[in-house]
PDB file of N, CA and C in Angstrom:
ATOM      1  N   MET A   1     -32.134  -1.341   9.695  1.00  0.00           N
ATOM      2  CA  MET A   1     -31.426  -2.586   9.538  1.00  0.00           C
ATOM      3  C   MET A   1     -32.207  -3.468   8.572  1.00  0.00           C
ATOM      4  N   ASN A   2     -31.471  -4.071   7.646  1.00  0.00           N
ATOM      5  CA  ASN A   2     -32.100  -4.988   6.690  1.00  0.00           C
ATOM      6  C   ASN A   2     -32.202  -6.378   7.298  1.00  0.00           C
ATOM      7  N   GLU A   3     -33.384  -6.947   7.256  1.00  0.00           N
ATOM      8  CA  GLU A   3     -33.554  -8.314   7.733  1.00  0.00           C
ATOM      9  C   GLU A   3     -33.144  -9.284   6.639  1.00  0.00           C
ATOM     10  N   ILE A   4     -32.621 -10.441   7.074  1.00  0.00           N
ATOM     11  CA  ILE A   4     -32.286 -11.505   6.132  1.00  0.00           C
ATOM     12  C   ILE A   4     -33.005 -12.775   6.563  1.00  0.00           C
ATOM     13  N   ALA A   5     -33.113 -13.680   5.637  1.00  0.00           N
ATOM     14  CA  ALA A   5     -33.733 -14.971   5.932  1.00  0.00           C
ATOM     15  C   ALA A   5     -32.680 -15.910   6.522  1.00  0.00           C
ATOM     16  N   TRP A   6     -33.129 -16.933   7.242  1.00  0.00           N
ATOM     17  CA  TRP A   6     -32.223 -17.929   7.819  1.00  0.00           C
ATOM     18  C   TRP A   6     -31.339 -18.541   6.735  1.00  0.00           C
ATOM     19  N   ASP A   7     -31.909 -18.808   5.560  1.00  0.00           N
ATOM     20  CA  ASP A   7     -31.132 -19.383   4.457  1.00  0.00           C
ATOM     21  C   ASP A   7     -29.987 -18.465   4.037  1.00  0.00           C
ATOM     22  N   ASP A   8     -30.194 -17.146   4.109  1.00  0.00           N
ATOM     23  CA  ASP A   8     -29.117 -16.206   3.790  1.00  0.00           C
ATOM     24  C   ASP A   8     -27.975 -16.340   4.793  1.00  0.00           C
ATOM     25  N   PHE A   9     -28.306 -16.402   6.064  1.00  0.00           N
ATOM     26  CA  PHE A   9     -27.293 -16.543   7.115  1.00  0.00           C
ATOM     27  C   PHE A   9     -26.516 -17.842   6.944  1.00  0.00           C
ATOM     28  N   MET A  10     -27.215 -18.901   6.601  1.00  0.00           N
ATOM     29  CA  MET A  10     -26.574 -20.213   6.467  1.00  0.00           C
ATOM     30  C   MET A  10     -25.603 -20.284   5.294  1.00  0.00           C
ATOM     31  N   LYS A  11     -25.659 -19.329   4.384  1.00  0.00           N
ATOM     32  CA  LYS A  11     -24.710 -19.291   3.275  1.00  0.00           C
ATOM     33  C   LYS A  11     -23.317 -18.875   3.737  1.00  0.00           C
ATOM     34  N   VAL A  12     -23.236 -18.171   4.864  1.00  0.00           N
ATOM     35  CA  VAL A  12     -21.951 -17.689   5.370  1.00  0.00           C
ATOM     36  C   VAL A  12     -21.332 -18.771   6.249  1.00  0.00           C
ATOM     37  N   GLU A  13     -20.164 -19.256   5.848  1.00  0.00           N
ATOM     38  CA  GLU A  13     -19.446 -20.297   6.600  1.00  0.00           C
ATOM     39  C   GLU A  13     -18.533 -19.634   7.619  1.00  0.00           C
ATOM     40  N   LEU A  14     -19.043 -19.425   8.831  1.00  0.00           N
ATOM     41  CA  LEU A  14     -18.251 -18.903   9.941  1.00  0.00           C
ATOM     42  C   LEU A  14     -17.723 -20.094  10.718  1.00  0.00           C
ATOM     43  N   ARG A  15     -16.398 -20.237  10.743  1.00  0.00           N
ATOM     44  CA  ARG A  15     -15.772 -21.398  11.371  1.00  0.00           C
ATOM     45  C   ARG A  15     -14.716 -20.959  12.372  1.00  0.00           C
ATOM     46  N   VAL A  16     -14.508 -21.811  13.371  1.00  0.00           N
ATOM     47  CA  VAL A  16     -13.443 -21.589  14.353  1.00  0.00           C
ATOM     48  C   VAL A  16     -12.137 -22.114  13.784  1.00  0.00           C
ATOM     49  N   GLY A  17     -11.082 -21.336  13.972  1.00  0.00           N
ATOM     50  CA  GLY A  17      -9.754 -21.768  13.560  1.00  0.00           C
ATOM     51  C   GLY A  17      -8.738 -21.440  14.640  1.00  0.00           C
ATOM     52  N   ARG A  18      -7.616 -22.143  14.589  1.00  0.00           N
ATOM     53  CA  ARG A  18      -6.520 -21.887  15.527  1.00  0.00           C
ATOM     54  C   ARG A  18      -5.360 -21.241  14.771  1.00  0.00           C
ATOM     55  N   VAL A  19      -4.883 -20.111  15.277  1.00  0.00           N
ATOM     56  CA  VAL A  19      -3.784 -19.397  14.637  1.00  0.00           C
ATOM     57  C   VAL A  19      -2.497 -20.212  14.797  1.00  0.00           C
ATOM     58  N   LEU A  20      -1.885 -20.544  13.657  1.00  0.00           N
ATOM     59  CA  LEU A  20      -0.628 -21.287  13.654  1.00  0.00           C
ATOM     60  C   LEU A  20       0.574 -20.358  13.615  1.00  0.00           C
ATOM     61  N   SER A  21       0.414 -19.234  12.902  1.00  0.00           N
ATOM     62  CA  SER A  21       1.499 -18.255  12.838  1.00  0.00           C
ATOM     63  C   SER A  21       0.928 -16.875  12.574  1.00  0.00           C
ATOM     64  N   ALA A  22       1.671 -15.874  13.001  1.00  0.00           N
ATOM     65  CA  ALA A  22       1.307 -14.473  12.786  1.00  0.00           C
ATOM     66  C   ALA A  22       2.600 -13.713  12.513  1.00  0.00           C
ATOM     67  N   GLU A  23       2.673 -13.126  11.329  1.00  0.00           N
ATOM     68  CA  GLU A  23       3.880 -12.412  10.902  1.00  0.00           C
ATOM     69  C   GLU A  23       3.504 -11.012  10.438  1.00  0.00           C
ATOM     70  N   PRO A  24       4.383 -10.026  10.666  1.00  0.00           N
ATOM     71  CA  PRO A  24       4.114  -8.690  10.133  1.00  0.00           C
ATOM     72  C   PRO A  24       3.936  -8.743   8.614  1.00  0.00           C
ATOM     73  N   PHE A  25       3.095  -7.847   8.105  1.00  0.00           N
ATOM     74  CA  PHE A  25       2.802  -7.760   6.671  1.00  0.00           C
ATOM     75  C   PHE A  25       3.188  -6.354   6.201  1.00  0.00           C
ATOM     76  N   PRO A  26       4.498  -6.106   6.010  1.00  0.00           N
ATOM     77  CA  PRO A  26       4.955  -4.748   5.691  1.00  0.00           C
ATOM     78  C   PRO A  26       4.448  -4.208   4.359  1.00  0.00           C
ATOM     79  N   GLN A  27       4.028  -5.068   3.436  1.00  0.00           N
ATOM     80  CA  GLN A  27       3.539  -4.607   2.135  1.00  0.00           C
ATOM     81  C   GLN A  27       2.093  -4.116   2.194  1.00  0.00           C
ATOM     82  N   ALA A  28       1.396  -4.346   3.283  1.00  0.00           N
ATOM     83  CA  ALA A  28       0.001  -3.910   3.408  1.00  0.00           C
ATOM     84  C   ALA A  28      -0.070  -2.386   3.504  1.00  0.00           C
ATOM     85  N   ARG A  29      -1.146  -1.802   2.975  1.00  0.00           N
ATOM     86  CA  ARG A  29      -1.335  -0.350   3.054  1.00  0.00           C
ATOM     87  C   ARG A  29      -1.552   0.121   4.488  1.00  0.00           C
ATOM     88  N   LYS A  30      -2.301  -0.653   5.261  1.00  0.00           N
ATOM     89  CA  LYS A  30      -2.511  -0.363   6.680  1.00  0.00           C
ATOM     90  C   LYS A  30      -1.802  -1.446   7.477  1.00  0.00           C
ATOM     91  N   PRO A  31      -1.329  -1.135   8.689  1.00  0.00           N
ATOM     92  CA  PRO A  31      -0.618  -2.147   9.481  1.00  0.00           C
ATOM     93  C   PRO A  31      -1.446  -3.420   9.636  1.00  0.00           C
ATOM     94  N   ALA A  32      -0.804  -4.557   9.345  1.00  0.00           N
ATOM     95  CA  ALA A  32      -1.507  -5.834   9.365  1.00  0.00           C
ATOM     96  C   ALA A  32      -0.521  -6.971   9.636  1.00  0.00           C
ATOM     97  N   TYR A  33      -1.095  -8.120   9.955  1.00  0.00           N
ATOM     98  CA  TYR A  33      -0.337  -9.360  10.073  1.00  0.00           C
ATOM     99  C   TYR A  33      -0.839 -10.328   9.008  1.00  0.00           C
ATOM    100  N   VAL A  34       0.039 -11.236   8.602  1.00  0.00           N
ATOM    101  CA  VAL A  34      -0.368 -12.390   7.812  1.00  0.00           C
ATOM    102  C   VAL A  34      -0.566 -13.521   8.805  1.00  0.00           C
ATOM    103  N   LEU A  35      -1.776 -14.040   8.870  1.00  0.00           N
ATOM    104  CA  LEU A  35      -2.090 -15.147   9.772  1.00  0.00           C
ATOM    105  C   LEU A  35      -2.229 -16.425   8.972  1.00  0.00           C
ATOM    106  N   LYS A  36      -1.697 -17.512   9.512  1.00  0.00           N
ATOM    107  CA  LYS A  36      -2.003 -18.857   9.018  1.00  0.00           C
ATOM    108  C   LYS A  36      -2.894 -19.478  10.075  1.00  0.00           C
ATOM    109  N   VAL A  37      -4.074 -19.922   9.651  1.00  0.00           N
ATOM    110  CA  VAL A  37      -5.090 -20.399  10.581  1.00  0.00           C
ATOM    111  C   VAL A  37      -5.525 -21.805  10.175  1.00  0.00           C
ATOM    112  N   ASP A  38      -5.529 -22.712  11.137  1.00  0.00           N
ATOM    113  CA  ASP A  38      -5.973 -24.088  10.915  1.00  0.00           C
ATOM    114  C   ASP A  38      -7.462 -24.173  11.223  1.00  0.00           C
ATOM    115  N   PHE A  39      -8.256 -24.465  10.180  1.00  0.00           N
ATOM    116  CA  PHE A  39      -9.700 -24.603  10.329  1.00  0.00           C
ATOM    117  C   PHE A  39     -10.138 -26.061  10.378  1.00  0.00           C
ATOM    118  N   GLY A  40      -9.239 -26.953  10.760  1.00  0.00           N
ATOM    119  CA  GLY A  40      -9.593 -28.360  10.922  1.00  0.00           C
ATOM    120  C   GLY A  40      -9.450 -29.147   9.638  1.00  0.00           C
ATOM    121  N   PRO A  41      -9.672 -30.475   9.730  1.00  0.00           N
ATOM    122  CA  PRO A  41      -9.414 -31.362   8.582  1.00  0.00           C
ATOM    123  C   PRO A  41     -10.296 -31.110   7.358  1.00  0.00           C
ATOM    124  N   GLU A  42     -11.502 -30.640   7.545  1.00  0.00           N
ATOM    125  CA  GLU A  42     -12.404 -30.416   6.407  1.00  0.00           C
ATOM    126  C   GLU A  42     -11.972 -29.209   5.570  1.00  0.00           C
ATOM    127  N   ILE A  43     -11.519 -28.137   6.219  1.00  0.00           N
ATOM    128  CA  ILE A  43     -11.171 -26.877   5.553  1.00  0.00           C
ATOM    129  C   ILE A  43      -9.660 -26.773   5.334  1.00  0.00           C
ATOM    130  N   GLY A  44      -8.877 -27.130   6.353  1.00  0.00           N
ATOM    131  CA  GLY A  44      -7.421 -27.035   6.264  1.00  0.00           C
ATOM    132  C   GLY A  44      -6.892 -25.697   6.734  1.00  0.00           C
ATOM    133  N   VAL A  45      -5.655 -25.417   6.370  1.00  0.00           N
ATOM    134  CA  VAL A  45      -4.973 -24.184   6.770  1.00  0.00           C
ATOM    135  C   VAL A  45      -5.221 -23.115   5.712  1.00  0.00           C
ATOM    136  N   ARG A  46      -5.602 -21.936   6.164  1.00  0.00           N
ATOM    137  CA  ARG A  46      -5.854 -20.793   5.280  1.00  0.00           C
ATOM    138  C   ARG A  46      -5.022 -19.601   5.753  1.00  0.00           C
ATOM    139  N   ARG A  47      -4.697 -18.716   4.811  1.00  0.00           N
ATOM    140  CA  ARG A  47      -3.966 -17.490   5.139  1.00  0.00           C
ATOM    141  C   ARG A  47      -4.901 -16.292   5.034  1.00  0.00           C
ATOM    142  N   SER A  48      -4.603 -15.285   5.864  1.00  0.00           N
ATOM    143  CA  SER A  48      -5.419 -14.077   5.868  1.00  0.00           C
ATOM    144  C   SER A  48      -4.578 -12.883   6.270  1.00  0.00           C
ATOM    145  N   SER A  49      -4.918 -11.725   5.745  1.00  0.00           N
ATOM    146  CA  SER A  49      -4.355 -10.464   6.211  1.00  0.00           C
ATOM    147  C   SER A  49      -5.309  -9.922   7.269  1.00  0.00           C
ATOM    148  N   ALA A  50      -4.773  -9.586   8.431  1.00  0.00           N
ATOM    149  CA  ALA A  50      -5.625  -9.101   9.529  1.00  0.00           C
ATOM    150  C   ALA A  50      -5.071  -7.795  10.089  1.00  0.00           C
ATOM    151  N   GLN A  51      -5.897  -6.749  10.071  1.00  0.00           N
ATOM    152  CA  GLN A  51      -5.495  -5.432  10.587  1.00  0.00           C
ATOM    153  C   GLN A  51      -5.774  -5.365  12.087  1.00  0.00           C
ATOM    154  N   ILE A  52      -5.016  -6.128  12.843  1.00  0.00           N
ATOM    155  CA  ILE A  52      -5.233  -6.248  14.291  1.00  0.00           C
ATOM    156  C   ILE A  52      -3.980  -5.877  15.081  1.00  0.00           C
ATOM    157  N   THR A  53      -3.095  -5.103  14.462  1.00  0.00           N
ATOM    158  CA  THR A  53      -1.801  -4.791  15.093  1.00  0.00           C
ATOM    159  C   THR A  53      -1.923  -3.858  16.294  1.00  0.00           C
ATOM    160  N   ALA A  54      -2.994  -3.082  16.386  1.00  0.00           N
ATOM    161  CA  ALA A  54      -3.126  -2.123  17.491  1.00  0.00           C
ATOM    162  C   ALA A  54      -3.352  -2.810  18.834  1.00  0.00           C
ATOM    163  N   LEU A  55      -4.009  -3.966  18.837  1.00  0.00           N
ATOM    164  CA  LEU A  55      -4.346  -4.629  20.102  1.00  0.00           C
ATOM    165  C   LEU A  55      -3.588  -5.935  20.343  1.00  0.00           C
ATOM    166  N   TYR A  56      -2.914  -6.452  19.318  1.00  0.00           N
ATOM    167  CA  TYR A  56      -2.282  -7.767  19.450  1.00  0.00           C
ATOM    168  C   TYR A  56      -0.862  -7.751  18.906  1.00  0.00           C
ATOM    169  N   ARG A  57       0.021  -8.492  19.560  1.00  0.00           N
ATOM    170  CA  ARG A  57       1.363  -8.757  19.055  1.00  0.00           C
ATOM    171  C   ARG A  57       1.353 -10.173  18.478  1.00  0.00           C
ATOM    172  N   PRO A  58       2.216 -10.457  17.506  1.00  0.00           N
ATOM    173  CA  PRO A  58       2.196 -11.784  16.885  1.00  0.00           C
ATOM    174  C   PRO A  58       2.258 -12.933  17.889  1.00  0.00           C
ATOM    175  N   GLU A  59       3.105 -12.823  18.893  1.00  0.00           N
ATOM    176  CA  GLU A  59       3.249 -13.918  19.863  1.00  0.00           C
ATOM    177  C   GLU A  59       1.990 -14.129  20.708  1.00  0.00           C
ATOM    178  N   GLN A  60       1.123 -13.129  20.806  1.00  0.00           N
ATOM    179  CA  GLN A  60      -0.138 -13.274  21.532  1.00  0.00           C
ATOM    180  C   GLN A  60      -1.186 -14.014  20.710  1.00  0.00           C
ATOM    181  N   LEU A  61      -0.987 -14.064  19.404  1.00  0.00           N
ATOM    182  CA  LEU A  61      -1.986 -14.651  18.509  1.00  0.00           C
ATOM    183  C   LEU A  61      -1.799 -16.145  18.284  1.00  0.00           C
ATOM    184  N   VAL A  62      -0.554 -16.594  18.270  1.00  0.00           N
ATOM    185  CA  VAL A  62      -0.276 -18.003  17.977  1.00  0.00           C
ATOM    186  C   VAL A  62      -0.919 -18.883  19.047  1.00  0.00           C
ATOM    187  N   GLY A  63      -1.709 -19.856  18.583  1.00  0.00           N
ATOM    188  CA  GLY A  63      -2.416 -20.763  19.481  1.00  0.00           C
ATOM    189  C   GLY A  63      -3.823 -20.331  19.836  1.00  0.00           C
ATOM    190  N   ARG A  64      -4.190 -19.089  19.535  1.00  0.00           N
ATOM    191  CA  ARG A  64      -5.531 -18.593  19.866  1.00  0.00           C
ATOM    192  C   ARG A  64      -6.572 -19.100  18.885  1.00  0.00           C
ATOM    193  N   LEU A  65      -7.781 -19.231  19.386  1.00  0.00           N
ATOM    194  CA  LEU A  65      -8.921 -19.521  18.521  1.00  0.00           C
ATOM    195  C   LEU A  65      -9.466 -18.211  17.977  1.00  0.00           C
ATOM    196  N   VAL A  66      -9.870 -18.225  16.701  1.00  0.00           N
ATOM    197  CA  VAL A  66     -10.480 -17.067  16.054  1.00  0.00           C
ATOM    198  C   VAL A  66     -11.683 -17.566  15.265  1.00  0.00           C
ATOM    199  N   VAL A  67     -12.501 -16.640  14.798  1.00  0.00           N
ATOM    200  CA  VAL A  67     -13.645 -16.971  13.957  1.00  0.00           C
ATOM    201  C   VAL A  67     -13.396 -16.358  12.588  1.00  0.00           C
ATOM    202  N   GLY A  68     -13.531 -17.174  11.552  1.00  0.00           N
ATOM    203  CA  GLY A  68     -13.292 -16.685  10.206  1.00  0.00           C
ATOM    204  C   GLY A  68     -14.378 -17.103   9.236  1.00  0.00           C
ATOM    205  N   VAL A  69     -14.558 -16.292   8.199  1.00  0.00           N
ATOM    206  CA  VAL A  69     -15.430 -16.642   7.088  1.00  0.00           C
ATOM    207  C   VAL A  69     -14.557 -17.393   6.090  1.00  0.00           C
ATOM    208  N   VAL A  70     -14.917 -18.636   5.809  1.00  0.00           N
ATOM    209  CA  VAL A  70     -14.058 -19.470   4.966  1.00  0.00           C
ATOM    210  C   VAL A  70     -14.610 -19.696   3.558  1.00  0.00           C
ATOM    211  N   ASN A  71     -15.775 -19.127   3.242  1.00  0.00           N
ATOM    212  CA  ASN A  71     -16.327 -19.357   1.905  1.00  0.00           C
ATOM    213  C   ASN A  71     -16.416 -18.101   1.044  1.00  0.00           C
ATOM    214  N   PHE A  72     -15.644 -17.063   1.383  1.00  0.00           N
ATOM    215  CA  PHE A  72     -15.454 -15.959   0.449  1.00  0.00           C
ATOM    216  C   PHE A  72     -14.452 -16.414  -0.608  1.00  0.00           C
ATOM    217  N   PRO A  73     -14.522 -15.865  -1.823  1.00  0.00           N
ATOM    218  CA  PRO A  73     -13.483 -16.196  -2.791  1.00  0.00           C
ATOM    219  C   PRO A  73     -12.148 -15.595  -2.337  1.00  0.00           C
ATOM    220  N   PRO A  74     -11.026 -16.207  -2.718  1.00  0.00           N
ATOM    221  CA  PRO A  74      -9.717 -15.636  -2.360  1.00  0.00           C
ATOM    222  C   PRO A  74      -9.608 -14.198  -2.873  1.00  0.00           C
ATOM    223  N   LYS A  75      -8.864 -13.377  -2.114  1.00  0.00           N
ATOM    224  CA  LYS A  75      -8.711 -11.965  -2.474  1.00  0.00           C
ATOM    225  C   LYS A  75      -7.227 -11.607  -2.440  1.00  0.00           C
ATOM    226  N   GLN A  76      -6.754 -10.997  -3.522  1.00  0.00           N
ATOM    227  CA  GLN A  76      -5.364 -10.576  -3.591  1.00  0.00           C
ATOM    228  C   GLN A  76      -5.188  -9.296  -2.783  1.00  0.00           C
ATOM    229  N   ILE A  77      -4.292  -9.334  -1.807  1.00  0.00           N
ATOM    230  CA  ILE A  77      -3.972  -8.160  -0.989  1.00  0.00           C
ATOM    231  C   ILE A  77      -2.466  -7.977  -1.103  1.00  0.00           C
ATOM    232  N   GLY A  78      -2.043  -7.084  -1.985  1.00  0.00           N
ATOM    233  CA  GLY A  78      -0.619  -6.934  -2.270  1.00  0.00           C
ATOM    234  C   GLY A  78      -0.085  -8.275  -2.762  1.00  0.00           C
ATOM    235  N   PRO A  79       1.020  -8.746  -2.185  1.00  0.00           N
ATOM    236  CA  PRO A  79       1.585 -10.020  -2.627  1.00  0.00           C
ATOM    237  C   PRO A  79       0.897 -11.254  -2.013  1.00  0.00           C
ATOM    238  N   LEU A  80      -0.069 -11.030  -1.132  1.00  0.00           N
ATOM    239  CA  LEU A  80      -0.732 -12.134  -0.430  1.00  0.00           C
ATOM    240  C   LEU A  80      -2.086 -12.463  -1.056  1.00  0.00           C
ATOM    241  N   MET A  81      -2.352 -13.755  -1.246  1.00  0.00           N
ATOM    242  CA  MET A  81      -3.685 -14.206  -1.625  1.00  0.00           C
ATOM    243  C   MET A  81      -4.393 -14.581  -0.326  1.00  0.00           C
ATOM    244  N   SER A  82      -5.304 -13.724   0.130  1.00  0.00           N
ATOM    245  CA  SER A  82      -6.043 -13.968   1.363  1.00  0.00           C
ATOM    246  C   SER A  82      -7.133 -14.997   1.089  1.00  0.00           C
ATOM    247  N   GLU A  83      -7.204 -16.027   1.931  1.00  0.00           N
ATOM    248  CA  GLU A  83      -8.098 -17.157   1.696  1.00  0.00           C
ATOM    249  C   GLU A  83      -9.269 -17.235   2.671  1.00  0.00           C
ATOM    250  N   CYS A  84      -9.325 -16.299   3.608  1.00  0.00           N
ATOM    251  CA  CYS A  84     -10.431 -16.253   4.572  1.00  0.00           C
ATOM    252  C   CYS A  84     -10.469 -14.857   5.180  1.00  0.00           C
ATOM    253  N   LEU A  85     -11.556 -14.563   5.868  1.00  0.00           N
ATOM    254  CA  LEU A  85     -11.708 -13.280   6.558  1.00  0.00           C
ATOM    255  C   LEU A  85     -11.813 -13.558   8.046  1.00  0.00           C
ATOM    256  N   ILE A  86     -10.855 -13.058   8.810  1.00  0.00           N
ATOM    257  CA  ILE A  86     -10.895 -13.202  10.265  1.00  0.00           C
ATOM    258  C   ILE A  86     -11.783 -12.089  10.807  1.00  0.00           C
ATOM    259  N   THR A  87     -12.707 -12.439  11.685  1.00  0.00           N
ATOM    260  CA  THR A  87     -13.718 -11.480  12.140  1.00  0.00           C
ATOM    261  C   THR A  87     -13.295 -10.741  13.402  1.00  0.00           C
ATOM    262  N   GLY A  88     -13.822  -9.528  13.529  1.00  0.00           N
ATOM    263  CA  GLY A  88     -13.547  -8.707  14.700  1.00  0.00           C
ATOM    264  C   GLY A  88     -14.487  -7.516  14.750  1.00  0.00           C
ATOM    265  N   PHE A  89     -14.348  -6.742  15.814  1.00  0.00           N
ATOM    266  CA  PHE A  89     -15.189  -5.565  16.044  1.00  0.00           C
ATOM    267  C   PHE A  89     -14.291  -4.363  16.282  1.00  0.00           C
ATOM    268  N   HIS A  90     -14.693  -3.199  15.767  1.00  0.00           N
ATOM    269  CA  HIS A  90     -13.960  -1.962  16.051  1.00  0.00           C
ATOM    270  C   HIS A  90     -14.354  -1.451  17.431  1.00  0.00           C
ATOM    271  N   ASP A  91     -13.355  -1.080  18.218  1.00  0.00           N
ATOM    272  CA  ASP A  91     -13.657  -0.471  19.516  1.00  0.00           C
ATOM    273  C   ASP A  91     -13.875   1.027  19.332  1.00  0.00           C
ATOM    274  N   SER A  92     -14.034   1.765  20.411  1.00  0.00           N
ATOM    275  CA  SER A  92     -14.344   3.198  20.328  1.00  0.00           C
ATOM    276  C   SER A  92     -13.209   4.007  19.707  1.00  0.00           C
ATOM    277  N   GLU A  93     -12.003   3.438  19.645  1.00  0.00           N
ATOM    278  CA  GLU A  93     -10.868   4.133  19.044  1.00  0.00           C
ATOM    279  C   GLU A  93     -10.546   3.603  17.644  1.00  0.00           C
ATOM    280  N   GLY A  94     -11.392   2.716  17.116  1.00  0.00           N
ATOM    281  CA  GLY A  94     -11.197   2.196  15.780  1.00  0.00           C
ATOM    282  C   GLY A  94     -10.267   0.996  15.684  1.00  0.00           C
ATOM    283  N   ARG A  95      -9.800   0.508  16.821  1.00  0.00           N
ATOM    284  CA  ARG A  95      -8.933  -0.676  16.822  1.00  0.00           C
ATOM    285  C   ARG A  95      -9.797  -1.922  16.700  1.00  0.00           C
ATOM    286  N   VAL A  96      -9.244  -2.969  16.073  1.00  0.00           N
ATOM    287  CA  VAL A  96     -10.018  -4.194  15.860  1.00  0.00           C
ATOM    288  C   VAL A  96      -9.746  -5.190  16.973  1.00  0.00           C
ATOM    289  N   ALA A  97     -10.836  -5.598  17.653  1.00  0.00           N
ATOM    290  CA  ALA A  97     -10.788  -6.658  18.667  1.00  0.00           C
ATOM    291  C   ALA A  97     -11.346  -7.920  18.022  1.00  0.00           C
ATOM    292  N   LEU A  98     -10.615  -9.018  18.140  1.00  0.00           N
ATOM    293  CA  LEU A  98     -11.029 -10.266  17.516  1.00  0.00           C
ATOM    294  C   LEU A  98     -12.345 -10.794  18.075  1.00  0.00           C
ATOM    295  N   CYS A  99     -13.107 -11.428  17.206  1.00  0.00           N
ATOM    296  CA  CYS A  99     -14.297 -12.180  17.593  1.00  0.00           C
ATOM    297  C   CYS A  99     -13.811 -13.603  17.882  1.00  0.00           C
ATOM    298  N   VAL A 100     -13.959 -14.053  19.123  1.00  0.00           N
ATOM    299  CA  VAL A 100     -13.409 -15.354  19.519  1.00  0.00           C
ATOM    300  C   VAL A 100     -14.409 -16.129  20.365  1.00  0.00           C
ATOM    301  N   PRO A 101     -14.343 -17.470  20.320  1.00  0.00           N
ATOM    302  CA  PRO A 101     -15.176 -18.257  21.245  1.00  0.00           C
ATOM    303  C   PRO A 101     -14.625 -18.111  22.658  1.00  0.00           C
ATOM    304  N   ASP A 102     -15.489 -18.168  23.656  1.00  0.00           N
ATOM    305  CA  ASP A 102     -15.010 -18.004  25.036  1.00  0.00           C
ATOM    306  C   ASP A 102     -14.694 -19.333  25.713  1.00  0.00           C
ATOM    307  N   HIS A 103     -14.821 -20.436  24.986  1.00  0.00           N
ATOM    308  CA  HIS A 103     -14.417 -21.759  25.473  1.00  0.00           C
ATOM    309  C   HIS A 103     -13.726 -22.494  24.340  1.00  0.00           C
ATOM    310  N   GLU A 104     -12.958 -23.485  24.691  1.00  0.00           N
ATOM    311  CA  GLU A 104     -12.264 -24.307  23.706  1.00  0.00           C
ATOM    312  C   GLU A 104     -13.275 -25.100  22.862  1.00  0.00           C
ATOM    313  N   VAL A 105     -13.164 -24.974  21.548  1.00  0.00           N
ATOM    314  CA  VAL A 105     -13.959 -25.771  20.612  1.00  0.00           C
ATOM    315  C   VAL A 105     -13.017 -26.240  19.511  1.00  0.00           C
ATOM    316  N   PRO A 106     -13.314 -27.367  18.867  1.00  0.00           N
ATOM    317  CA  PRO A 106     -12.413 -27.888  17.841  1.00  0.00           C
ATOM    318  C   PRO A 106     -12.336 -26.981  16.610  1.00  0.00           C
ATOM    319  N   PRO A 107     -11.123 -26.802  16.048  1.00  0.00           N
ATOM    320  CA  PRO A 107     -11.021 -26.069  14.784  1.00  0.00           C
ATOM    321  C   PRO A 107     -11.938 -26.690  13.737  1.00  0.00           C
ATOM    322  N   GLY A 108     -12.581 -25.803  12.985  1.00  0.00           N
ATOM    323  CA  GLY A 108     -13.529 -26.237  11.957  1.00  0.00           C
ATOM    324  C   GLY A 108     -14.971 -26.170  12.391  1.00  0.00           C
ATOM    325  N   THR A 109     -15.212 -26.038  13.693  1.00  0.00           N
ATOM    326  CA  THR A 109     -16.590 -25.960  14.189  1.00  0.00           C
ATOM    327  C   THR A 109     -17.284 -24.752  13.567  1.00  0.00           C
ATOM    328  N   ARG A 110     -18.494 -24.979  13.084  1.00  0.00           N
ATOM    329  CA  ARG A 110     -19.259 -23.917  12.427  1.00  0.00           C
ATOM    330  C   ARG A 110     -20.110 -23.163  13.432  1.00  0.00           C
ATOM    331  N   LEU A 111     -20.160 -21.835  13.263  1.00  0.00           N
ATOM    332  CA  LEU A 111     -21.033 -21.006  14.080  1.00  0.00           C
ATOM    333  C   LEU A 111     -22.452 -21.165  13.590  1.00  0.00           C
ATOM    334  N   LEU A 112     -23.370 -21.466  14.516  1.00  0.00           N
ATOM    335  CA  LEU A 112     -24.779 -21.608  14.176  1.00  0.00           C
ATOM    336  C   LEU A 112     -25.622 -20.788  15.114  1.00  0.00           C
TER     337      LEU A 112
END
């Protein structure tokens, strides 16, 4: 494992956001949803493609808190310009489980 300095970690803006909408993304190469996530007044609403269809249905996602990287440059994914990266972990079957706070925190809160 490569060690990093604290300053390196602090460059990554991991923020809490609330999912406002989750829609199927049929143009994606792998099954995915288009998420609109509110990261609070400082960051605003961002869109992301998330390959989380194996464990979540769209209606289960709306209103949930998620953790996203908000300072990557936008990335074109098919017709979608993805503006953040929603974080998660692969389980033993390769499905993505979201990385989420276990208590209510305000959208925009930074992970430290």
